[in-house]
Amino acid sequence: MARYIGPVCKLCRREGQKLFLKGAKCTSPKCPLESRNFPPGQHGRARSFKQSEYGLQLREKQKMRRMYGILEAQFRNYYKKAVKQKGITGENLLKLLERRLDNVVYRLGFAGSRKAARQLVRHRHFTVNGRVVDIPSFQVSPGDVIQVREKSRKLDSIHQSLRRIRDGRLLPWLDLNKPNLTGSMLEIPSREDIPTEVNESLIVELYSK
């Protein structure tokens, strides 16, 4: 499956905010956005112009797509699914993305970034309800239990990531059992419980044209 393999820190600089694509580096002084908070490229510093309405909508779409590590075709398919569901389309889109297995693994603290979580899932390190699932886009449902496989319980990357998770810092729609290396989704999250800094209504306006 196609995926972006370029320098991800440039994506954060292009969007002008941290997309948390590099795990612990994003919260450290080594984050390039701390010292170079301007778009990449030869004329990055000189870019100072008022964006059009379309430009604002496009930037929000690119920002969300890059946060979750999804290419354009797949992102558009998520939007089509969100349109068919009851409720607010933008919120439905966010909920579909948050329910991806790689995102849930990241939110539970088993990985430092969504990219790392996607790799762990692809390498068959997790089970969902006792069954091995190696599809990052698998939709997790309320009540599903995600567990680190027995043979993967000594992976340093998982334990290093979990050390950064303190009690009470998990999102309210998730539950984590550190000793057993298991986690579960308690309910489908509401918009207020999704800490993603995007204006999803602009994305809906973009695709509605």
N, C-alpha and C. Protein backbone atom coordinates (compact mmCIF):
# COMPACT_ATOMS: atom_id res chain seq x y z
N MET A 1 0.83 -1.20 0.00
CA MET A 1 0.00 0.00 0.00
C MET A 1 0.87 1.25 0.00
N ALA A 2 0.52 2.26 -0.81
CA ALA A 2 1.30 3.49 -0.90
C ALA A 2 1.29 4.23 0.43
N ARG A 3 2.40 4.89 0.73
CA ARG A 3 2.49 5.67 1.96
C ARG A 3 3.55 6.76 1.79
N TYR A 4 3.45 7.78 2.60
CA TYR A 4 4.41 8.88 2.54
C TYR A 4 5.69 8.46 3.25
N ILE A 5 6.84 8.62 2.59
CA ILE A 5 8.11 8.19 3.17
C ILE A 5 9.10 9.36 3.26
N GLY A 6 8.63 10.58 3.05
CA GLY A 6 9.50 11.74 3.11
C GLY A 6 9.71 12.23 4.54
N PRO A 7 10.44 13.32 4.72
CA PRO A 7 10.70 13.88 6.06
C PRO A 7 9.42 14.45 6.67
N VAL A 8 9.00 13.89 7.79
CA VAL A 8 7.71 14.28 8.36
C VAL A 8 7.76 15.61 9.09
N CYS A 9 8.92 16.02 9.57
CA CYS A 9 9.01 17.31 10.27
C CYS A 9 8.68 18.46 9.33
N LYS A 10 8.95 18.28 8.04
CA LYS A 10 8.59 19.31 7.07
C LYS A 10 7.08 19.47 6.96
N LEU A 11 6.35 18.38 7.20
CA LEU A 11 4.89 18.46 7.16
C LEU A 11 4.38 19.35 8.28
N CYS A 12 4.98 19.21 9.47
CA CYS A 12 4.58 20.06 10.60
C CYS A 12 4.88 21.52 10.30
N ARG A 13 6.04 21.78 9.74
CA ARG A 13 6.41 23.15 9.41
C ARG A 13 5.50 23.73 8.33
N ARG A 14 5.08 22.90 7.40
CA ARG A 14 4.18 23.38 6.35
C ARG A 14 2.83 23.76 6.92
N GLU A 15 2.35 22.99 7.91
CA GLU A 15 1.04 23.28 8.50
C GLU A 15 1.12 24.30 9.63
N GLY A 16 2.33 24.60 10.08
CA GLY A 16 2.49 25.60 11.10
C GLY A 16 2.12 25.17 12.50
N GLN A 17 2.04 23.87 12.73
CA GLN A 17 1.74 23.36 14.07
C GLN A 17 2.25 21.93 14.19
N LYS A 18 2.39 21.47 15.42
CA LYS A 18 2.88 20.11 15.65
C LYS A 18 1.79 19.10 15.32
N LEU A 19 2.14 18.15 14.46
CA LEU A 19 1.22 17.07 14.10
C LEU A 19 1.56 15.80 14.86
N PHE A 20 2.60 15.85 15.69
CA PHE A 20 3.03 14.72 16.52
C PHE A 20 3.27 13.46 15.68
N LEU A 21 4.14 13.63 14.69
CA LEU A 21 4.47 12.54 13.78
C LEU A 21 5.76 11.82 14.16
N LYS A 22 6.52 12.38 15.12
CA LYS A 22 7.81 11.79 15.49
C LYS A 22 7.87 11.36 16.95
N GLY A 23 6.75 11.17 17.58
CA GLY A 23 6.74 10.67 18.95
C GLY A 23 7.35 11.64 19.94
N ALA A 24 8.30 11.15 20.75
CA ALA A 24 8.89 11.95 21.83
C ALA A 24 9.61 13.18 21.30
N LYS A 25 10.14 13.14 20.10
CA LYS A 25 10.87 14.28 19.55
C LYS A 25 9.98 15.51 19.45
N CYS A 26 8.68 15.30 19.23
CA CYS A 26 7.75 16.42 19.05
C CYS A 26 7.59 17.24 20.32
N THR A 27 7.82 16.64 21.47
CA THR A 27 7.66 17.34 22.74
C THR A 27 8.99 17.75 23.35
N SER A 28 10.07 17.60 22.59
CA SER A 28 11.40 17.94 23.07
C SER A 28 11.91 19.20 22.37
N PRO A 29 12.97 19.81 22.90
CA PRO A 29 13.55 21.00 22.25
C PRO A 29 14.12 20.70 20.86
N LYS A 30 14.28 19.42 20.52
CA LYS A 30 14.83 19.05 19.22
C LYS A 30 13.81 19.19 18.09
N CYS A 31 12.56 19.44 18.44
CA CYS A 31 11.53 19.59 17.41
C CYS A 31 11.88 20.77 16.50
N PRO A 32 11.99 20.56 15.19
CA PRO A 32 12.36 21.64 14.26
C PRO A 32 11.40 22.83 14.33
N LEU A 33 10.16 22.60 14.72
CA LEU A 33 9.19 23.69 14.77
C LEU A 33 9.54 24.71 15.86
N GLU A 34 10.34 24.28 16.84
CA GLU A 34 10.74 25.19 17.91
C GLU A 34 11.69 26.27 17.40
N SER A 35 12.54 25.92 16.45
CA SER A 35 13.54 26.87 15.94
C SER A 35 13.25 27.36 14.53
N ARG A 36 12.43 26.61 13.79
CA ARG A 36 12.13 27.00 12.39
C ARG A 36 10.62 26.95 12.16
N ASN A 37 9.91 27.83 12.81
CA ASN A 37 8.46 27.84 12.69
C ASN A 37 8.02 28.65 11.47
N PHE A 38 8.40 28.14 10.31
CA PHE A 38 8.01 28.73 9.03
C PHE A 38 8.02 27.63 7.99
N PRO A 39 7.28 27.78 6.90
CA PRO A 39 7.19 26.72 5.89
C PRO A 39 8.55 26.35 5.33
N PRO A 40 8.76 25.09 4.94
CA PRO A 40 10.03 24.67 4.36
C PRO A 40 10.22 25.24 2.97
N GLY A 41 11.43 25.17 2.49
CA GLY A 41 11.70 25.66 1.14
C GLY A 41 12.52 26.94 1.14
N GLN A 42 13.05 27.28 -0.02
CA GLN A 42 13.93 28.44 -0.16
C GLN A 42 13.27 29.75 0.23
N HIS A 43 11.96 29.86 -0.05
CA HIS A 43 11.24 31.10 0.22
C HIS A 43 10.26 30.95 1.39
N GLY A 44 10.54 29.99 2.27
CA GLY A 44 9.64 29.74 3.38
C GLY A 44 9.43 30.93 4.29
N ARG A 45 10.51 31.64 4.61
CA ARG A 45 10.41 32.80 5.50
C ARG A 45 9.63 33.94 4.87
N ALA A 46 9.68 34.01 3.54
CA ALA A 46 9.07 35.15 2.85
C ALA A 46 7.58 34.96 2.57
N ARG A 47 7.05 33.79 2.91
CA ARG A 47 5.64 33.53 2.61
C ARG A 47 4.75 34.23 3.64
N SER A 48 4.19 35.32 3.26
CA SER A 48 3.28 36.04 4.15
C SER A 48 2.17 36.66 3.30
N PHE A 49 1.15 35.86 3.04
CA PHE A 49 0.04 36.33 2.23
C PHE A 49 -1.26 35.79 2.83
N LYS A 50 -2.32 36.50 2.56
CA LYS A 50 -3.62 36.12 3.08
C LYS A 50 -4.17 34.95 2.26
N GLN A 51 -4.52 33.86 2.94
CA GLN A 51 -5.02 32.69 2.22
C GLN A 51 -6.47 32.90 1.80
N SER A 52 -6.80 32.33 0.65
CA SER A 52 -8.19 32.36 0.19
C SER A 52 -9.01 31.38 1.00
N GLU A 53 -10.31 31.43 0.81
CA GLU A 53 -11.20 30.49 1.50
C GLU A 53 -10.86 29.05 1.12
N TYR A 54 -10.60 28.84 -0.16
CA TYR A 54 -10.21 27.50 -0.61
C TYR A 54 -8.89 27.08 0.02
N GLY A 55 -7.94 28.01 0.12
CA GLY A 55 -6.65 27.69 0.72
C GLY A 55 -6.78 27.26 2.17
N LEU A 56 -7.63 27.93 2.93
CA LEU A 56 -7.86 27.56 4.33
C LEU A 56 -8.47 26.17 4.43
N GLN A 57 -9.43 25.88 3.56
CA GLN A 57 -10.07 24.57 3.57
C GLN A 57 -9.08 23.47 3.20
N LEU A 58 -8.25 23.75 2.20
CA LEU A 58 -7.26 22.76 1.78
C LEU A 58 -6.25 22.47 2.88
N ARG A 59 -5.81 23.53 3.58
CA ARG A 59 -4.83 23.34 4.65
C ARG A 59 -5.41 22.48 5.79
N GLU A 60 -6.67 22.67 6.12
CA GLU A 60 -7.29 21.87 7.18
C GLU A 60 -7.38 20.41 6.76
N LYS A 61 -7.71 20.19 5.49
CA LYS A 61 -7.79 18.81 4.99
C LYS A 61 -6.43 18.14 5.01
N GLN A 62 -5.42 18.85 4.53
CA GLN A 62 -4.06 18.30 4.52
C GLN A 62 -3.56 18.04 5.93
N LYS A 63 -3.89 18.94 6.84
CA LYS A 63 -3.46 18.79 8.23
C LYS A 63 -4.03 17.51 8.84
N MET A 64 -5.34 17.30 8.69
CA MET A 64 -5.97 16.11 9.27
C MET A 64 -5.44 14.85 8.60
N ARG A 65 -5.31 14.88 7.29
CA ARG A 65 -4.84 13.71 6.56
C ARG A 65 -3.44 13.31 7.01
N ARG A 66 -2.59 14.31 7.21
CA ARG A 66 -1.21 14.03 7.62
C ARG A 66 -1.13 13.58 9.07
N MET A 67 -1.98 14.12 9.92
CA MET A 67 -2.00 13.69 11.32
C MET A 67 -2.23 12.18 11.44
N TYR A 68 -3.19 11.69 10.66
CA TYR A 68 -3.54 10.28 10.76
C TYR A 68 -2.78 9.39 9.77
N GLY A 69 -1.89 10.00 8.98
CA GLY A 69 -1.04 9.23 8.07
C GLY A 69 -1.81 8.55 6.95
N ILE A 70 -2.76 9.27 6.36
CA ILE A 70 -3.62 8.68 5.33
C ILE A 70 -3.43 9.43 4.01
N LEU A 71 -3.38 8.70 2.92
CA LEU A 71 -3.27 9.32 1.60
C LEU A 71 -4.64 9.79 1.11
N GLU A 72 -4.63 10.56 0.06
CA GLU A 72 -5.84 11.26 -0.39
C GLU A 72 -7.02 10.33 -0.71
N ALA A 73 -6.78 9.27 -1.47
CA ALA A 73 -7.88 8.39 -1.88
C ALA A 73 -8.57 7.76 -0.67
N GLN A 74 -7.79 7.29 0.28
CA GLN A 74 -8.36 6.67 1.47
C GLN A 74 -9.10 7.70 2.32
N PHE A 75 -8.55 8.90 2.41
CA PHE A 75 -9.19 9.95 3.19
C PHE A 75 -10.55 10.31 2.59
N ARG A 76 -10.61 10.38 1.27
CA ARG A 76 -11.87 10.69 0.61
C ARG A 76 -12.90 9.59 0.85
N ASN A 77 -12.45 8.34 0.90
CA ASN A 77 -13.37 7.23 1.19
C ASN A 77 -13.95 7.35 2.60
N TYR A 78 -13.12 7.79 3.56
CA TYR A 78 -13.62 8.02 4.91
C TYR A 78 -14.68 9.11 4.90
N TYR A 79 -14.46 10.14 4.11
CA TYR A 79 -15.43 11.23 4.02
C TYR A 79 -16.76 10.73 3.46
N LYS A 80 -16.69 9.89 2.44
CA LYS A 80 -17.92 9.35 1.85
C LYS A 80 -18.70 8.52 2.87
N LYS A 81 -17.98 7.75 3.70
CA LYS A 81 -18.65 6.98 4.75
C LYS A 81 -19.28 7.91 5.78
N ALA A 82 -18.57 8.99 6.12
CA ALA A 82 -19.07 9.93 7.12
C ALA A 82 -20.34 10.61 6.65
N VAL A 83 -20.43 10.90 5.35
CA VAL A 83 -21.61 11.56 4.79
C VAL A 83 -22.84 10.66 4.94
N LYS A 84 -22.66 9.35 4.78
CA LYS A 84 -23.78 8.42 4.82
C LYS A 84 -24.28 8.14 6.25
N GLN A 85 -23.48 8.49 7.25
CA GLN A 85 -23.87 8.24 8.63
C GLN A 85 -24.75 9.37 9.16
N LYS A 86 -25.53 9.07 10.17
CA LYS A 86 -26.36 10.08 10.81
C LYS A 86 -25.47 10.99 11.66
N GLY A 87 -25.89 12.24 11.78
CA GLY A 87 -25.13 13.17 12.60
C GLY A 87 -24.38 14.18 11.77
N ILE A 88 -23.41 14.85 12.40
CA ILE A 88 -22.62 15.89 11.76
C ILE A 88 -21.47 15.24 10.99
N THR A 89 -21.39 15.53 9.72
CA THR A 89 -20.41 14.85 8.85
C THR A 89 -18.98 15.01 9.33
N GLY A 90 -18.58 16.22 9.72
CA GLY A 90 -17.21 16.45 10.16
C GLY A 90 -16.87 15.63 11.40
N GLU A 91 -17.80 15.57 12.34
CA GLU A 91 -17.56 14.78 13.55
C GLU A 91 -17.54 13.29 13.24
N ASN A 92 -18.40 12.87 12.32
CA ASN A 92 -18.39 11.46 11.91
C ASN A 92 -17.05 11.08 11.29
N LEU A 93 -16.48 11.99 10.52
CA LEU A 93 -15.18 11.75 9.89
C LEU A 93 -14.10 11.56 10.94
N LEU A 94 -14.08 12.43 11.94
CA LEU A 94 -13.09 12.33 13.01
C LEU A 94 -13.24 11.03 13.79
N LYS A 95 -14.48 10.64 14.05
CA LYS A 95 -14.72 9.42 14.82
C LYS A 95 -14.24 8.19 14.06
N LEU A 96 -14.45 8.17 12.74
CA LEU A 96 -13.98 7.05 11.93
C LEU A 96 -12.45 6.95 11.98
N LEU A 97 -11.78 8.08 11.93
CA LEU A 97 -10.32 8.09 11.97
C LEU A 97 -9.80 7.69 13.35
N GLU A 98 -10.49 8.14 14.40
CA GLU A 98 -10.07 7.79 15.76
C GLU A 98 -10.26 6.30 16.04
N ARG A 99 -11.18 5.66 15.36
CA ARG A 99 -11.46 4.24 15.60
C ARG A 99 -10.53 3.32 14.82
N ARG A 100 -9.64 3.87 14.02
CA ARG A 100 -8.65 3.04 13.34
C ARG A 100 -7.78 2.34 14.39
N LEU A 101 -7.42 1.09 14.12
CA LEU A 101 -6.64 0.33 15.09
C LEU A 101 -5.29 0.98 15.38
N ASP A 102 -4.62 1.48 14.35
CA ASP A 102 -3.31 2.11 14.61
C ASP A 102 -3.46 3.35 15.49
N ASN A 103 -4.55 4.10 15.32
CA ASN A 103 -4.77 5.27 16.17
C ASN A 103 -5.09 4.87 17.60
N VAL A 104 -5.90 3.82 17.79
CA VAL A 104 -6.23 3.37 19.14
C VAL A 104 -4.99 2.86 19.86
N VAL A 105 -4.13 2.13 19.14
CA VAL A 105 -2.87 1.66 19.72
C VAL A 105 -2.02 2.85 20.16
N TYR A 106 -2.00 3.89 19.35
CA TYR A 106 -1.25 5.11 19.68
C TYR A 106 -1.87 5.83 20.88
N ARG A 107 -3.19 5.97 20.88
CA ARG A 107 -3.87 6.66 21.97
C ARG A 107 -3.72 5.90 23.30
N LEU A 108 -3.65 4.59 23.24
CA LEU A 108 -3.48 3.80 24.47
C LEU A 108 -2.07 3.92 25.03
N GLY A 109 -1.12 4.36 24.21
CA GLY A 109 0.24 4.54 24.68
C GLY A 109 1.18 3.41 24.34
N PHE A 110 0.74 2.47 23.50
CA PHE A 110 1.60 1.36 23.11
C PHE A 110 2.65 1.80 22.08
N ALA A 111 2.47 2.96 21.49
CA ALA A 111 3.42 3.48 20.50
C ALA A 111 3.54 4.98 20.67
N GLY A 112 4.71 5.52 20.31
CA GLY A 112 4.95 6.94 20.49
C GLY A 112 4.36 7.81 19.40
N SER A 113 3.98 7.22 18.28
CA SER A 113 3.39 7.97 17.18
C SER A 113 2.46 7.03 16.40
N ARG A 114 1.62 7.61 15.57
CA ARG A 114 0.73 6.78 14.76
C ARG A 114 1.52 5.95 13.75
N LYS A 115 2.61 6.51 13.25
CA LYS A 115 3.45 5.77 12.31
C LYS A 115 4.03 4.53 12.98
N ALA A 116 4.53 4.70 14.21
CA ALA A 116 5.08 3.56 14.95
C ALA A 116 3.98 2.55 15.26
N ALA A 117 2.80 3.04 15.59
CA ALA A 117 1.68 2.14 15.89
C ALA A 117 1.29 1.35 14.64
N ARG A 118 1.29 2.01 13.49
CA ARG A 118 0.95 1.33 12.24
C ARG A 118 1.95 0.21 11.94
N GLN A 119 3.21 0.45 12.21
CA GLN A 119 4.24 -0.57 11.98
C GLN A 119 4.05 -1.76 12.93
N LEU A 120 3.75 -1.47 14.19
CA LEU A 120 3.52 -2.55 15.16
C LEU A 120 2.33 -3.40 14.76
N VAL A 121 1.28 -2.75 14.29
CA VAL A 121 0.08 -3.49 13.87
C VAL A 121 0.41 -4.36 12.67
N ARG A 122 1.10 -3.80 11.69
CA ARG A 122 1.44 -4.55 10.48
C ARG A 122 2.34 -5.75 10.78
N HIS A 123 3.15 -5.64 11.82
CA HIS A 123 4.05 -6.75 12.19
C HIS A 123 3.38 -7.74 13.14
N ARG A 124 2.06 -7.61 13.28
CA ARG A 124 1.24 -8.60 13.98
C ARG A 124 1.60 -8.70 15.48
N HIS A 125 1.77 -7.55 16.11
CA HIS A 125 2.09 -7.54 17.54
C HIS A 125 0.85 -7.40 18.42
N PHE A 126 -0.34 -7.25 17.82
CA PHE A 126 -1.54 -7.02 18.61
C PHE A 126 -2.68 -7.97 18.21
N THR A 127 -3.52 -8.24 19.19
CA THR A 127 -4.75 -8.98 18.94
C THR A 127 -5.93 -8.10 19.31
N VAL A 128 -7.04 -8.33 18.65
CA VAL A 128 -8.30 -7.67 18.99
C VAL A 128 -9.29 -8.77 19.34
N ASN A 129 -9.73 -8.78 20.59
CA ASN A 129 -10.63 -9.84 21.08
C ASN A 129 -10.04 -11.23 20.87
N GLY A 130 -8.70 -11.34 21.07
CA GLY A 130 -8.04 -12.63 20.98
C GLY A 130 -7.63 -13.04 19.58
N ARG A 131 -7.95 -12.23 18.57
CA ARG A 131 -7.60 -12.57 17.19
C ARG A 131 -6.56 -11.59 16.67
N VAL A 132 -5.51 -12.12 16.04
CA VAL A 132 -4.46 -11.26 15.49
C VAL A 132 -5.03 -10.42 14.35
N VAL A 133 -4.79 -9.11 14.44
CA VAL A 133 -5.23 -8.19 13.39
C VAL A 133 -4.02 -7.39 12.93
N ASP A 134 -3.72 -7.45 11.63
CA ASP A 134 -2.56 -6.73 11.10
C ASP A 134 -2.97 -5.67 10.08
N ILE A 135 -4.20 -5.17 10.22
CA ILE A 135 -4.73 -4.14 9.32
C ILE A 135 -4.86 -2.83 10.09
N PRO A 136 -3.99 -1.85 9.85
CA PRO A 136 -4.03 -0.59 10.60
C PRO A 136 -5.38 0.12 10.53
N SER A 137 -6.10 -0.02 9.43
CA SER A 137 -7.38 0.68 9.26
C SER A 137 -8.56 -0.05 9.88
N PHE A 138 -8.30 -1.19 10.52
CA PHE A 138 -9.38 -1.95 11.17
C PHE A 138 -10.15 -1.04 12.12
N GLN A 139 -11.48 -1.07 12.02
CA GLN A 139 -12.32 -0.21 12.85
C GLN A 139 -12.62 -0.88 14.20
N VAL A 140 -12.11 -0.28 15.26
CA VAL A 140 -12.33 -0.79 16.61
C VAL A 140 -13.71 -0.37 17.08
N SER A 141 -14.43 -1.26 17.73
CA SER A 141 -15.78 -0.99 18.22
C SER A 141 -15.80 -0.96 19.73
N PRO A 142 -16.78 -0.28 20.33
CA PRO A 142 -16.88 -0.27 21.80
C PRO A 142 -16.93 -1.69 22.36
N GLY A 143 -16.14 -1.94 23.38
CA GLY A 143 -16.07 -3.27 23.99
C GLY A 143 -14.93 -4.12 23.47
N ASP A 144 -14.33 -3.73 22.35
CA ASP A 144 -13.20 -4.49 21.81
C ASP A 144 -11.99 -4.36 22.73
N VAL A 145 -11.26 -5.46 22.89
CA VAL A 145 -10.08 -5.49 23.74
C VAL A 145 -8.84 -5.66 22.87
N ILE A 146 -7.93 -4.71 22.97
CA ILE A 146 -6.67 -4.76 22.23
C ILE A 146 -5.57 -5.21 23.18
N GLN A 147 -4.82 -6.24 22.78
CA GLN A 147 -3.80 -6.80 23.67
C GLN A 147 -2.51 -7.04 22.91
N VAL A 148 -1.39 -6.80 23.59
CA VAL A 148 -0.08 -7.12 23.02
C VAL A 148 0.07 -8.64 23.03
N ARG A 149 0.49 -9.20 21.91
CA ARG A 149 0.65 -10.65 21.82
C ARG A 149 1.72 -11.15 22.80
N GLU A 150 1.59 -12.39 23.21
CA GLU A 150 2.49 -12.97 24.21
C GLU A 150 3.95 -12.86 23.77
N LYS A 151 4.22 -13.14 22.51
CA LYS A 151 5.61 -13.13 22.02
C LYS A 151 6.16 -11.72 21.84
N SER A 152 5.28 -10.71 21.96
CA SER A 152 5.71 -9.33 21.75
C SER A 152 5.79 -8.54 23.04
N ARG A 153 5.58 -9.19 24.17
CA ARG A 153 5.47 -8.48 25.44
C ARG A 153 6.79 -7.90 25.94
N LYS A 154 7.90 -8.30 25.34
CA LYS A 154 9.20 -7.79 25.78
C LYS A 154 9.77 -6.73 24.84
N LEU A 155 8.97 -6.27 23.91
CA LEU A 155 9.44 -5.25 22.97
C LEU A 155 9.75 -3.95 23.71
N ASP A 156 10.98 -3.47 23.56
CA ASP A 156 11.40 -2.26 24.25
C ASP A 156 10.58 -1.04 23.80
N SER A 157 10.26 -0.98 22.53
CA SER A 157 9.53 0.19 22.01
C SER A 157 8.18 0.36 22.70
N ILE A 158 7.51 -0.75 22.98
CA ILE A 158 6.20 -0.68 23.64
C ILE A 158 6.35 -0.22 25.08
N HIS A 159 7.31 -0.77 25.79
CA HIS A 159 7.50 -0.41 27.20
C HIS A 159 8.02 1.02 27.35
N GLN A 160 8.89 1.47 26.45
CA GLN A 160 9.37 2.85 26.50
C GLN A 160 8.23 3.83 26.28
N SER A 161 7.33 3.48 25.38
CA SER A 161 6.19 4.35 25.11
C SER A 161 5.24 4.38 26.30
N LEU A 162 5.00 3.23 26.92
CA LEU A 162 4.08 3.16 28.06
C LEU A 162 4.61 3.94 29.26
N ARG A 163 5.93 4.07 29.39
CA ARG A 163 6.49 4.82 30.52
C ARG A 163 6.10 6.29 30.47
N ARG A 164 5.75 6.77 29.28
CA ARG A 164 5.37 8.17 29.14
C ARG A 164 3.89 8.40 29.47
N ILE A 165 3.15 7.30 29.67
CA ILE A 165 1.72 7.42 29.98
C ILE A 165 1.54 7.35 31.49
N ARG A 166 1.04 8.42 32.07
CA ARG A 166 0.77 8.44 33.51
C ARG A 166 -0.71 8.19 33.76
N ASP A 167 -1.02 7.73 34.95
CA ASP A 167 -2.41 7.47 35.32
C ASP A 167 -3.24 8.75 35.14
N GLY A 168 -4.42 8.57 34.56
CA GLY A 168 -5.33 9.69 34.39
C GLY A 168 -5.12 10.50 33.13
N ARG A 169 -4.11 10.14 32.33
CA ARG A 169 -3.83 10.92 31.12
C ARG A 169 -4.49 10.31 29.89
N LEU A 170 -5.10 9.15 30.03
CA LEU A 170 -5.78 8.54 28.90
C LEU A 170 -7.07 9.30 28.58
N LEU A 171 -7.52 9.17 27.35
CA LEU A 171 -8.79 9.76 26.97
C LEU A 171 -9.93 9.01 27.65
N PRO A 172 -11.04 9.68 27.96
CA PRO A 172 -12.12 9.05 28.73
C PRO A 172 -12.82 7.88 28.03
N TRP A 173 -12.64 7.75 26.73
CA TRP A 173 -13.31 6.66 26.02
C TRP A 173 -12.40 5.42 25.86
N LEU A 174 -11.24 5.47 26.52
CA LEU A 174 -10.30 4.34 26.47
C LEU A 174 -9.97 3.86 27.88
N ASP A 175 -9.61 2.59 27.98
CA ASP A 175 -9.20 2.03 29.26
C ASP A 175 -7.92 1.22 29.03
N LEU A 176 -6.93 1.42 29.91
CA LEU A 176 -5.64 0.75 29.78
C LEU A 176 -5.31 -0.04 31.03
N ASN A 177 -4.89 -1.29 30.82
CA ASN A 177 -4.39 -2.14 31.90
C ASN A 177 -2.90 -2.38 31.63
N LYS A 178 -2.05 -1.57 32.26
CA LYS A 178 -0.61 -1.65 31.99
C LYS A 178 0.00 -3.01 32.32
N PRO A 179 -0.28 -3.57 33.51
CA PRO A 179 0.36 -4.86 33.85
C PRO A 179 0.05 -5.96 32.84
N ASN A 180 -1.17 -5.96 32.31
CA ASN A 180 -1.56 -7.01 31.37
C ASN A 180 -1.33 -6.62 29.91
N LEU A 181 -0.86 -5.37 29.70
CA LEU A 181 -0.64 -4.87 28.34
C LEU A 181 -1.89 -5.02 27.48
N THR A 182 -3.00 -4.60 28.04
CA THR A 182 -4.27 -4.63 27.31
C THR A 182 -4.95 -3.27 27.41
N GLY A 183 -5.78 -3.01 26.45
CA GLY A 183 -6.57 -1.78 26.45
C GLY A 183 -7.89 -2.04 25.76
N SER A 184 -8.85 -1.17 25.97
CA SER A 184 -10.15 -1.37 25.35
C SER A 184 -10.80 -0.02 25.05
N MET A 185 -11.71 -0.05 24.09
CA MET A 185 -12.51 1.13 23.78
C MET A 185 -13.83 1.01 24.54
N LEU A 186 -14.10 1.99 25.38
CA LEU A 186 -15.30 1.96 26.20
C LEU A 186 -16.53 2.42 25.44
N GLU A 187 -16.32 3.40 24.56
CA GLU A 187 -17.44 3.97 23.80
C GLU A 187 -16.89 4.72 22.60
N ILE A 188 -17.77 5.03 21.66
CA ILE A 188 -17.36 5.86 20.53
C ILE A 188 -17.16 7.28 21.05
N PRO A 189 -16.03 7.89 20.77
CA PRO A 189 -15.75 9.20 21.36
C PRO A 189 -16.65 10.31 20.83
N SER A 190 -16.90 11.30 21.67
CA SER A 190 -17.58 12.50 21.23
C SER A 190 -16.53 13.49 20.73
N ARG A 191 -16.96 14.52 20.04
CA ARG A 191 -15.99 15.49 19.50
C ARG A 191 -15.19 16.14 20.62
N GLU A 192 -15.82 16.38 21.76
CA GLU A 192 -15.13 17.04 22.87
C GLU A 192 -14.00 16.18 23.43
N ASP A 193 -14.07 14.87 23.21
CA ASP A 193 -13.07 13.95 23.76
C ASP A 193 -12.00 13.57 22.74
N ILE A 194 -11.99 14.26 21.61
CA ILE A 194 -10.97 13.99 20.58
C ILE A 194 -10.03 15.19 20.52
N PRO A 195 -8.81 15.06 21.04
CA PRO A 195 -7.88 16.19 21.10
C PRO A 195 -7.15 16.44 19.78
N THR A 196 -7.90 16.64 18.72
CA THR A 196 -7.33 16.90 17.41
C THR A 196 -7.64 18.33 17.01
N GLU A 197 -6.60 19.15 16.85
CA GLU A 197 -6.79 20.57 16.59
C GLU A 197 -6.98 20.84 15.10
N VAL A 198 -8.19 20.56 14.64
CA VAL A 198 -8.55 20.86 13.25
C VAL A 198 -9.97 21.41 13.24
N ASN A 199 -10.26 22.14 12.19
CA ASN A 199 -11.63 22.63 11.98
C ASN A 199 -12.26 21.75 10.91
N GLU A 200 -12.91 20.69 11.36
CA GLU A 200 -13.44 19.70 10.41
C GLU A 200 -14.53 20.26 9.51
N SER A 201 -15.19 21.33 9.93
CA SER A 201 -16.25 21.91 9.10
C SER A 201 -15.68 22.47 7.80
N LEU A 202 -14.43 22.95 7.84
CA LEU A 202 -13.80 23.46 6.62
C LEU A 202 -13.55 22.33 5.63
N ILE A 203 -13.26 21.15 6.14
CA ILE A 203 -13.03 19.98 5.27
C ILE A 203 -14.32 19.58 4.59
N VAL A 204 -15.41 19.62 5.35
CA VAL A 204 -16.72 19.31 4.77
C VAL A 204 -17.07 20.31 3.68
N GLU A 205 -16.78 21.58 3.92
CA GLU A 205 -17.06 22.62 2.91
C GLU A 205 -16.23 22.35 1.65
N LEU A 206 -14.98 21.93 1.83
CA LEU A 206 -14.11 21.65 0.69
C LEU A 206 -14.65 20.54 -0.18
N TYR A 207 -15.04 19.44 0.45
CA TYR A 207 -15.53 18.28 -0.31
C TYR A 207 -16.96 18.46 -0.81
N SER A 208 -17.66 19.42 -0.27
CA SER A 208 -19.07 19.63 -0.68
C SER A 208 -19.18 20.46 -1.96
N LYS A 209 -18.07 21.03 -2.41
CA LYS A 209 -18.12 21.89 -3.61
C LYS A 209 -18.39 21.07 -4.86
